[in-house]
Amino acid sequence: MTQRQVDHDMPLPRCQAGHLARHIHDCRQATAGGGHFIECRCGATKKCPDFDTALQEWKRMHRVRTPRPPAGPAENVVLFALFGTGGKAR
């Protein structure tokens, strides 16, 4: 058999309908139609040369957003003391 399911430590993101996704690796050469793709009950990505590209397409297809890390405080901001509070400027 040329296709095998690849298990990951972290589960793949579900599709918009809530179906479980699975990563399939077609072991044939790329010229023969091989590659990586992700599928669920309602859809699948096209075959990609690597898993990261297939996952990126899966997230784009199902509008899965990756959370961004919170922005740290800006260090180029000058803070002024408020009048009447007795504070000093930093």
PDB file of N, CA and C in Angstrom:
ATOM      1  N   MET A   1       0.842  -1.173   0.000  1.00  0.00           N
ATOM      2  CA  MET A   1       0.000   0.000   0.000  1.00  0.00           C
ATOM      3  C   MET A   1       0.891   1.241   0.000  1.00  0.00           C
ATOM      4  N   THR A   2       0.558   2.219  -0.799  1.00  0.00           N
ATOM      5  CA  THR A   2       1.406   3.398  -0.925  1.00  0.00           C
ATOM      6  C   THR A   2       1.012   4.523   0.020  1.00  0.00           C
ATOM      7  N   GLN A   3      -0.170   4.462   0.605  1.00  0.00           N
ATOM      8  CA  GLN A   3      -0.595   5.523   1.521  1.00  0.00           C
ATOM      9  C   GLN A   3      -0.604   5.008   2.944  1.00  0.00           C
ATOM     10  N   ARG A   4      -0.174   5.884   3.871  1.00  0.00           N
ATOM     11  CA  ARG A   4      -0.237   5.515   5.279  1.00  0.00           C
ATOM     12  C   ARG A   4      -0.655   6.728   6.092  1.00  0.00           C
ATOM     13  N   GLN A   5      -1.361   6.463   7.183  1.00  0.00           N
ATOM     14  CA  GLN A   5      -1.792   7.536   8.068  1.00  0.00           C
ATOM     15  C   GLN A   5      -0.679   7.831   9.063  1.00  0.00           C
ATOM     16  N   VAL A   6      -0.384   9.110   9.272  1.00  0.00           N
ATOM     17  CA  VAL A   6       0.676   9.537  10.177  1.00  0.00           C
ATOM     18  C   VAL A   6       0.030  10.080  11.445  1.00  0.00           C
ATOM     19  N   ASP A   7       0.446   9.551  12.594  1.00  0.00           N
ATOM     20  CA  ASP A   7      -0.067  10.037  13.874  1.00  0.00           C
ATOM     21  C   ASP A   7       0.861  11.115  14.418  1.00  0.00           C
ATOM     22  N   HIS A   8       0.272  12.109  15.079  1.00  0.00           N
ATOM     23  CA  HIS A   8       1.027  13.226  15.641  1.00  0.00           C
ATOM     24  C   HIS A   8       0.781  13.302  17.144  1.00  0.00           C
ATOM     25  N   ASP A   9       1.739  13.905  17.866  1.00  0.00           N
ATOM     26  CA  ASP A   9       1.578  14.090  19.312  1.00  0.00           C
ATOM     27  C   ASP A   9       0.412  15.026  19.615  1.00  0.00           C
ATOM     28  N   MET A  10       0.328  16.117  18.871  1.00  0.00           N
ATOM     29  CA  MET A  10      -0.767  17.079  19.030  1.00  0.00           C
ATOM     30  C   MET A  10      -1.836  16.748  17.993  1.00  0.00           C
ATOM     31  N   PRO A  11      -3.114  16.760  18.372  1.00  0.00           N
ATOM     32  CA  PRO A  11      -4.153  16.472  17.373  1.00  0.00           C
ATOM     33  C   PRO A  11      -4.239  17.585  16.330  1.00  0.00           C
ATOM     34  N   LEU A  12      -4.603  17.217  15.123  1.00  0.00           N
ATOM     35  CA  LEU A  12      -4.765  18.201  14.057  1.00  0.00           C
ATOM     36  C   LEU A  12      -6.038  19.007  14.309  1.00  0.00           C
ATOM     37  N   PRO A  13      -6.076  20.262  13.856  1.00  0.00           N
ATOM     38  CA  PRO A  13      -7.288  21.059  14.057  1.00  0.00           C
ATOM     39  C   PRO A  13      -8.467  20.465  13.289  1.00  0.00           C
ATOM     40  N   ARG A  14      -9.641  20.524  13.895  1.00  0.00           N
ATOM     41  CA  ARG A  14     -10.848  19.988  13.257  1.00  0.00           C
ATOM     42  C   ARG A  14     -11.309  20.920  12.141  1.00  0.00           C
ATOM     43  N   CYS A  15     -12.129  20.393  11.245  1.00  0.00           N
ATOM     44  CA  CYS A  15     -12.690  21.225  10.186  1.00  0.00           C
ATOM     45  C   CYS A  15     -13.832  22.061  10.767  1.00  0.00           C
ATOM     46  N   GLN A  16     -14.433  22.909   9.938  1.00  0.00           N
ATOM     47  CA  GLN A  16     -15.500  23.776  10.421  1.00  0.00           C
ATOM     48  C   GLN A  16     -16.729  22.985  10.854  1.00  0.00           C
ATOM     49  N   ALA A  17     -16.931  21.805  10.296  1.00  0.00           N
ATOM     50  CA  ALA A  17     -18.062  20.964  10.679  1.00  0.00           C
ATOM     51  C   ALA A  17     -17.765  20.152  11.941  1.00  0.00           C
ATOM     52  N   GLY A  18     -16.529  20.206  12.435  1.00  0.00           N
ATOM     53  CA  GLY A  18     -16.158  19.501  13.656  1.00  0.00           C
ATOM     54  C   GLY A  18     -15.615  18.099  13.449  1.00  0.00           C
ATOM     55  N   HIS A  19     -15.366  17.705  12.205  1.00  0.00           N
ATOM     56  CA  HIS A  19     -14.843  16.361  11.933  1.00  0.00           C
ATOM     57  C   HIS A  19     -13.365  16.270  12.296  1.00  0.00           C
ATOM     58  N   LEU A  20     -12.947  15.094  12.717  1.00  0.00           N
ATOM     59  CA  LEU A  20     -11.537  14.844  12.995  1.00  0.00           C
ATOM     60  C   LEU A  20     -10.751  14.835  11.691  1.00  0.00           C
ATOM     61  N   ALA A  21      -9.575  15.428  11.720  1.00  0.00           N
ATOM     62  CA  ALA A  21      -8.710  15.456  10.540  1.00  0.00           C
ATOM     63  C   ALA A  21      -7.623  14.403  10.696  1.00  0.00           C
ATOM     64  N   ARG A  22      -7.153  13.895   9.575  1.00  0.00           N
ATOM     65  CA  ARG A  22      -6.047  12.936   9.621  1.00  0.00           C
ATOM     66  C   ARG A  22      -5.042  13.258   8.526  1.00  0.00           C
ATOM     67  N   HIS A  23      -3.780  13.023   8.848  1.00  0.00           N
ATOM     68  CA  HIS A  23      -2.659  13.292   7.943  1.00  0.00           C
ATOM     69  C   HIS A  23      -2.343  12.002   7.197  1.00  0.00           C
ATOM     70  N   ILE A  24      -2.374  12.069   5.881  1.00  0.00           N
ATOM     71  CA  ILE A  24      -2.070  10.915   5.036  1.00  0.00           C
ATOM     72  C   ILE A  24      -0.810  11.226   4.231  1.00  0.00           C
ATOM     73  N   HIS A  25       0.117  10.281   4.224  1.00  0.00           N
ATOM     74  CA  HIS A  25       1.342  10.418   3.429  1.00  0.00           C
ATOM     75  C   HIS A  25       1.300   9.388   2.320  1.00  0.00           C
ATOM     76  N   ASP A  26       1.274   9.863   1.078  1.00  0.00           N
ATOM     77  CA  ASP A  26       1.347   8.995  -0.090  1.00  0.00           C
ATOM     78  C   ASP A  26       2.829   8.824  -0.395  1.00  0.00           C
ATOM     79  N   CYS A  27       3.334   7.611  -0.242  1.00  0.00           N
ATOM     80  CA  CYS A  27       4.776   7.352  -0.306  1.00  0.00           C
ATOM     81  C   CYS A  27       5.351   7.330  -1.717  1.00  0.00           C
ATOM     82  N   ARG A  28       4.511   7.494  -2.728  1.00  0.00           N
ATOM     83  CA  ARG A  28       5.042   7.529  -4.089  1.00  0.00           C
ATOM     84  C   ARG A  28       5.845   8.805  -4.304  1.00  0.00           C
ATOM     85  N   GLN A  29       6.660   8.825  -5.335  1.00  0.00           N
ATOM     86  CA  GLN A  29       7.420  10.031  -5.669  1.00  0.00           C
ATOM     87  C   GLN A  29       6.456  11.134  -6.089  1.00  0.00           C
ATOM     88  N   ALA A  30       6.898  12.373  -5.939  1.00  0.00           N
ATOM     89  CA  ALA A  30       6.040  13.514  -6.274  1.00  0.00           C
ATOM     90  C   ALA A  30       5.619  13.481  -7.746  1.00  0.00           C
ATOM     91  N   THR A  31       6.501  13.022  -8.615  1.00  0.00           N
ATOM     92  CA  THR A  31       6.166  12.956 -10.046  1.00  0.00           C
ATOM     93  C   THR A  31       5.106  11.900 -10.336  1.00  0.00           C
ATOM     94  N   ALA A  32       4.959  10.929  -9.436  1.00  0.00           N
ATOM     95  CA  ALA A  32       3.967   9.873  -9.613  1.00  0.00           C
ATOM     96  C   ALA A  32       2.681  10.163  -8.845  1.00  0.00           C
ATOM     97  N   GLY A  33       2.569  11.360  -8.256  1.00  0.00           N
ATOM     98  CA  GLY A  33       1.337  11.721  -7.549  1.00  0.00           C
ATOM     99  C   GLY A  33       1.412  11.544  -6.050  1.00  0.00           C
ATOM    100  N   GLY A  34       2.608  11.421  -5.498  1.00  0.00           N
ATOM    101  CA  GLY A  34       2.757  11.258  -4.057  1.00  0.00           C
ATOM    102  C   GLY A  34       2.778  12.591  -3.338  1.00  0.00           C
ATOM    103  N   GLY A  35       2.782  12.534  -2.011  1.00  0.00           N
ATOM    104  CA  GLY A  35       2.855  13.746  -1.207  1.00  0.00           C
ATOM    105  C   GLY A  35       2.055  13.612   0.077  1.00  0.00           C
ATOM    106  N   HIS A  36       1.907  14.722   0.772  1.00  0.00           N
ATOM    107  CA  HIS A  36       1.178  14.770   2.033  1.00  0.00           C
ATOM    108  C   HIS A  36      -0.146  15.488   1.812  1.00  0.00           C
ATOM    109  N   PHE A  37      -1.206  15.007   2.458  1.00  0.00           N
ATOM    110  CA  PHE A  37      -2.463  15.728   2.448  1.00  0.00           C
ATOM    111  C   PHE A  37      -3.207  15.444   3.739  1.00  0.00           C
ATOM    112  N   ILE A  38      -4.146  16.326   4.054  1.00  0.00           N
ATOM    113  CA  ILE A  38      -4.960  16.197   5.260  1.00  0.00           C
ATOM    114  C   ILE A  38      -6.403  16.077   4.813  1.00  0.00           C
ATOM    115  N   GLU A  39      -7.117  15.131   5.409  1.00  0.00           N
ATOM    116  CA  GLU A  39      -8.504  14.919   5.018  1.00  0.00           C
ATOM    117  C   GLU A  39      -9.387  14.701   6.229  1.00  0.00           C
ATOM    118  N   CYS A  40     -10.674  14.925   6.026  1.00  0.00           N
ATOM    119  CA  CYS A  40     -11.690  14.590   7.017  1.00  0.00           C
ATOM    120  C   CYS A  40     -12.879  14.031   6.242  1.00  0.00           C
ATOM    121  N   ARG A  41     -14.004  13.883   6.907  1.00  0.00           N
ATOM    122  CA  ARG A  41     -15.168  13.295   6.267  1.00  0.00           C
ATOM    123  C   ARG A  41     -15.715  14.174   5.139  1.00  0.00           C
ATOM    124  N   CYS A  42     -15.525  15.495   5.241  1.00  0.00           N
ATOM    125  CA  CYS A  42     -16.155  16.397   4.270  1.00  0.00           C
ATOM    126  C   CYS A  42     -15.185  17.039   3.276  1.00  0.00           C
ATOM    127  N   GLY A  43     -13.885  16.793   3.377  1.00  0.00           N
ATOM    128  CA  GLY A  43     -12.970  17.415   2.425  1.00  0.00           C
ATOM    129  C   GLY A  43     -11.530  17.002   2.638  1.00  0.00           C
ATOM    130  N   ALA A  44     -10.686  17.440   1.701  1.00  0.00           N
ATOM    131  CA  ALA A  44      -9.257  17.121   1.774  1.00  0.00           C
ATOM    132  C   ALA A  44      -8.467  18.205   1.060  1.00  0.00           C
ATOM    133  N   THR A  45      -7.201  18.344   1.448  1.00  0.00           N
ATOM    134  CA  THR A  45      -6.315  19.281   0.766  1.00  0.00           C
ATOM    135  C   THR A  45      -5.751  18.599  -0.471  1.00  0.00           C
ATOM    136  N   LYS A  46      -5.135  19.390  -1.339  1.00  0.00           N
ATOM    137  CA  LYS A  46      -4.414  18.787  -2.457  1.00  0.00           C
ATOM    138  C   LYS A  46      -3.113  18.205  -1.914  1.00  0.00           C
ATOM    139  N   LYS A  47      -2.456  17.374  -2.676  1.00  0.00           N
ATOM    140  CA  LYS A  47      -1.200  16.774  -2.222  1.00  0.00           C
ATOM    141  C   LYS A  47      -0.096  17.817  -2.246  1.00  0.00           C
ATOM    142  N   CYS A  48       0.635  17.895  -1.150  1.00  0.00           N
ATOM    143  CA  CYS A  48       1.694  18.886  -0.973  1.00  0.00           C
ATOM    144  C   CYS A  48       3.020  18.164  -0.764  1.00  0.00           C
ATOM    145  N   PRO A  49       4.141  18.824  -1.063  1.00  0.00           N
ATOM    146  CA  PRO A  49       5.440  18.163  -0.915  1.00  0.00           C
ATOM    147  C   PRO A  49       5.827  17.871   0.530  1.00  0.00           C
ATOM    148  N   ASP A  50       5.293  18.646   1.501  1.00  0.00           N
ATOM    149  CA  ASP A  50       5.620  18.383   2.903  1.00  0.00           C
ATOM    150  C   ASP A  50       4.393  18.622   3.785  1.00  0.00           C
ATOM    151  N   PHE A  51       4.472  18.137   5.020  1.00  0.00           N
ATOM    152  CA  PHE A  51       3.338  18.222   5.941  1.00  0.00           C
ATOM    153  C   PHE A  51       3.005  19.661   6.307  1.00  0.00           C
ATOM    154  N   ASP A  52       4.019  20.501   6.517  1.00  0.00           N
ATOM    155  CA  ASP A  52       3.766  21.887   6.924  1.00  0.00           C
ATOM    156  C   ASP A  52       2.938  22.642   5.887  1.00  0.00           C
ATOM    157  N   THR A  53       3.215  22.413   4.620  1.00  0.00           N
ATOM    158  CA  THR A  53       2.447  23.061   3.556  1.00  0.00           C
ATOM    159  C   THR A  53       1.010  22.548   3.545  1.00  0.00           C
ATOM    160  N   ALA A  54       0.831  21.244   3.753  1.00  0.00           N
ATOM    161  CA  ALA A  54      -0.515  20.674   3.797  1.00  0.00           C
ATOM    162  C   ALA A  54      -1.301  21.220   4.987  1.00  0.00           C
ATOM    163  N   LEU A  55      -0.647  21.354   6.142  1.00  0.00           N
ATOM    164  CA  LEU A  55      -1.316  21.889   7.324  1.00  0.00           C
ATOM    165  C   LEU A  55      -1.690  23.356   7.117  1.00  0.00           C
ATOM    166  N   GLN A  56      -0.813  24.105   6.483  1.00  0.00           N
ATOM    167  CA  GLN A  56      -1.094  25.511   6.195  1.00  0.00           C
ATOM    168  C   GLN A  56      -2.321  25.632   5.280  1.00  0.00           C
ATOM    169  N   GLU A  57      -2.413  24.776   4.279  1.00  0.00           N
ATOM    170  CA  GLU A  57      -3.566  24.798   3.380  1.00  0.00           C
ATOM    171  C   GLU A  57      -4.838  24.378   4.116  1.00  0.00           C
ATOM    172  N   TRP A  58      -4.728  23.385   5.004  1.00  0.00           N
ATOM    173  CA  TRP A  58      -5.877  22.931   5.787  1.00  0.00           C
ATOM    174  C   TRP A  58      -6.428  24.073   6.646  1.00  0.00           C
ATOM    175  N   LYS A  59      -5.530  24.786   7.300  1.00  0.00           N
ATOM    176  CA  LYS A  59      -5.952  25.911   8.142  1.00  0.00           C
ATOM    177  C   LYS A  59      -6.584  27.018   7.302  1.00  0.00           C
ATOM    178  N   ARG A  60      -6.046  27.253   6.109  1.00  0.00           N
ATOM    179  CA  ARG A  60      -6.615  28.270   5.230  1.00  0.00           C
ATOM    180  C   ARG A  60      -8.003  27.851   4.749  1.00  0.00           C
ATOM    181  N   MET A  61      -8.160  26.582   4.383  1.00  0.00           N
ATOM    182  CA  MET A  61      -9.448  26.081   3.898  1.00  0.00           C
ATOM    183  C   MET A  61     -10.542  26.215   4.949  1.00  0.00           C
ATOM    184  N   HIS A  62     -10.202  25.936   6.191  1.00  0.00           N
ATOM    185  CA  HIS A  62     -11.196  25.892   7.264  1.00  0.00           C
ATOM    186  C   HIS A  62     -11.130  27.103   8.183  1.00  0.00           C
ATOM    187  N   ARG A  63     -10.391  28.114   7.770  1.00  0.00           N
ATOM    188  CA  ARG A  63     -10.297  29.389   8.499  1.00  0.00           C
ATOM    189  C   ARG A  63      -9.883  29.191   9.957  1.00  0.00           C
ATOM    190  N   VAL A  64      -8.887  28.340  10.159  1.00  0.00           N
ATOM    191  CA  VAL A  64      -8.343  28.107  11.501  1.00  0.00           C
ATOM    192  C   VAL A  64      -7.258  29.144  11.729  1.00  0.00           C
ATOM    193  N   ARG A  65      -7.379  29.899  12.803  1.00  0.00           N
ATOM    194  CA  ARG A  65      -6.395  30.943  13.094  1.00  0.00           C
ATOM    195  C   ARG A  65      -5.449  30.477  14.183  1.00  0.00           C
ATOM    196  N   THR A  66      -4.192  30.814  14.006  1.00  0.00           N
ATOM    197  CA  THR A  66      -3.187  30.524  15.018  1.00  0.00           C
ATOM    198  C   THR A  66      -3.091  31.742  15.928  1.00  0.00           C
ATOM    199  N   PRO A  67      -3.269  31.573  17.246  1.00  0.00           N
ATOM    200  CA  PRO A  67      -3.211  32.744  18.126  1.00  0.00           C
ATOM    201  C   PRO A  67      -1.817  33.362  18.137  1.00  0.00           C
ATOM    202  N   ARG A  68      -1.796  34.681  18.133  1.00  0.00           N
ATOM    203  CA  ARG A  68      -0.523  35.396  18.185  1.00  0.00           C
ATOM    204  C   ARG A  68      -0.099  35.576  19.630  1.00  0.00           C
ATOM    205  N   PRO A  69       1.207  35.606  19.888  1.00  0.00           N
ATOM    206  CA  PRO A  69       1.658  35.858  21.264  1.00  0.00           C
ATOM    207  C   PRO A  69       1.315  37.293  21.656  1.00  0.00           C
ATOM    208  N   PRO A  70       1.030  37.535  22.936  1.00  0.00           N
ATOM    209  CA  PRO A  70       0.685  38.894  23.357  1.00  0.00           C
ATOM    210  C   PRO A  70       1.866  39.844  23.163  1.00  0.00           C
ATOM    211  N   ALA A  71       1.540  41.056  22.769  1.00  0.00           N
ATOM    212  CA  ALA A  71       2.584  42.060  22.539  1.00  0.00           C
ATOM    213  C   ALA A  71       3.132  42.542  23.872  1.00  0.00           C
ATOM    214  N   GLY A  72       4.430  42.650  23.956  1.00  0.00           N
ATOM    215  CA  GLY A  72       5.080  43.133  25.172  1.00  0.00           C
ATOM    216  C   GLY A  72       4.999  44.651  25.245  1.00  0.00           C
ATOM    217  N   PRO A  73       5.361  45.198  26.376  1.00  0.00           N
ATOM    218  CA  PRO A  73       5.318  46.658  26.504  1.00  0.00           C
ATOM    219  C   PRO A  73       6.378  47.307  25.608  1.00  0.00           C
ATOM    220  N   ALA A  74       6.009  48.415  25.015  1.00  0.00           N
ATOM    221  CA  ALA A  74       6.946  49.132  24.151  1.00  0.00           C
ATOM    222  C   ALA A  74       7.982  49.843  25.014  1.00  0.00           C
ATOM    223  N   GLU A  75       9.236  49.732  24.632  1.00  0.00           N
ATOM    224  CA  GLU A  75      10.305  50.336  25.422  1.00  0.00           C
ATOM    225  C   GLU A  75      10.672  51.732  24.932  1.00  0.00           C
ATOM    226  N   ASN A  76      10.093  52.158  23.823  1.00  0.00           N
ATOM    227  CA  ASN A  76      10.437  53.476  23.307  1.00  0.00           C
ATOM    228  C   ASN A  76       9.386  54.532  23.678  1.00  0.00           C
ATOM    229  N   VAL A  77       8.548  54.246  24.669  1.00  0.00           N
ATOM    230  CA  VAL A  77       7.512  55.176  25.106  1.00  0.00           C
ATOM    231  C   VAL A  77       8.001  55.907  26.349  1.00  0.00           C
ATOM    232  N   VAL A  78       7.876  57.232  26.331  1.00  0.00           N
ATOM    233  CA  VAL A  78       8.277  58.044  27.477  1.00  0.00           C
ATOM    234  C   VAL A  78       7.053  58.278  28.350  1.00  0.00           C
ATOM    235  N   LEU A  79       7.161  57.957  29.644  1.00  0.00           N
ATOM    236  CA  LEU A  79       6.060  58.169  30.578  1.00  0.00           C
ATOM    237  C   LEU A  79       6.321  59.447  31.361  1.00  0.00           C
ATOM    238  N   PHE A  80       5.328  60.314  31.413  1.00  0.00           N
ATOM    239  CA  PHE A  80       5.438  61.563  32.153  1.00  0.00           C
ATOM    240  C   PHE A  80       4.644  61.464  33.445  1.00  0.00           C
ATOM    241  N   ALA A  81       5.128  62.146  34.474  1.00  0.00           N
ATOM    242  CA  ALA A  81       4.429  62.164  35.760  1.00  0.00           C
ATOM    243  C   ALA A  81       3.178  63.028  35.646  1.00  0.00           C
ATOM    244  N   LEU A  82       2.134  62.624  36.345  1.00  0.00           N
ATOM    245  CA  LEU A  82       0.909  63.417  36.385  1.00  0.00           C
ATOM    246  C   LEU A  82       1.090  64.555  37.371  1.00  0.00           C
ATOM    247  N   PHE A  83       0.592  65.730  37.025  1.00  0.00           N
ATOM    248  CA  PHE A  83       0.700  66.889  37.916  1.00  0.00           C
ATOM    249  C   PHE A  83      -0.161  66.674  39.152  1.00  0.00           C
ATOM    250  N   GLY A  84       0.374  67.000  40.285  1.00  0.00           N
ATOM    251  CA  GLY A  84      -0.389  66.920  41.524  1.00  0.00           C
ATOM    252  C   GLY A  84      -0.320  65.577  42.208  1.00  0.00           C
ATOM    253  N   THR A  85       0.358  64.592  41.616  1.00  0.00           N
ATOM    254  CA  THR A  85       0.443  63.281  42.253  1.00  0.00           C
ATOM    255  C   THR A  85       1.755  63.107  42.990  1.00  0.00           C
ATOM    256  N   GLY A  86       2.695  63.985  42.751  1.00  0.00           N
ATOM    257  CA  GLY A  86       3.978  63.899  43.427  1.00  0.00           C
ATOM    258  C   GLY A  86       4.920  62.895  42.805  1.00  0.00           C
ATOM    259  N   GLY A  87       4.550  62.307  41.670  1.00  0.00           N
ATOM    260  CA  GLY A  87       5.411  61.323  41.021  1.00  0.00           C
ATOM    261  C   GLY A  87       6.513  61.978  40.223  1.00  0.00           C
ATOM    262  N   LYS A  88       7.525  61.217  39.912  1.00  0.00           N
ATOM    263  CA  LYS A  88       8.646  61.716  39.120  1.00  0.00           C
ATOM    264  C   LYS A  88       8.564  61.110  37.722  1.00  0.00           C
ATOM    265  N   ALA A  89       9.086  61.839  36.750  1.00  0.00           N
ATOM    266  CA  ALA A  89       9.093  61.351  35.368  1.00  0.00           C
ATOM    267  C   ALA A  89      10.083  60.202  35.238  1.00  0.00           C
ATOM    268  N   ARG A  90       9.767  59.261  34.412  1.00  0.00           N
ATOM    269  CA  ARG A  90      10.655  58.114  34.192  1.00  0.00           C
ATOM    270  C   ARG A  90      11.466  58.314  32.947  1.00  0.00           C
TER     271      ARG A  90
END
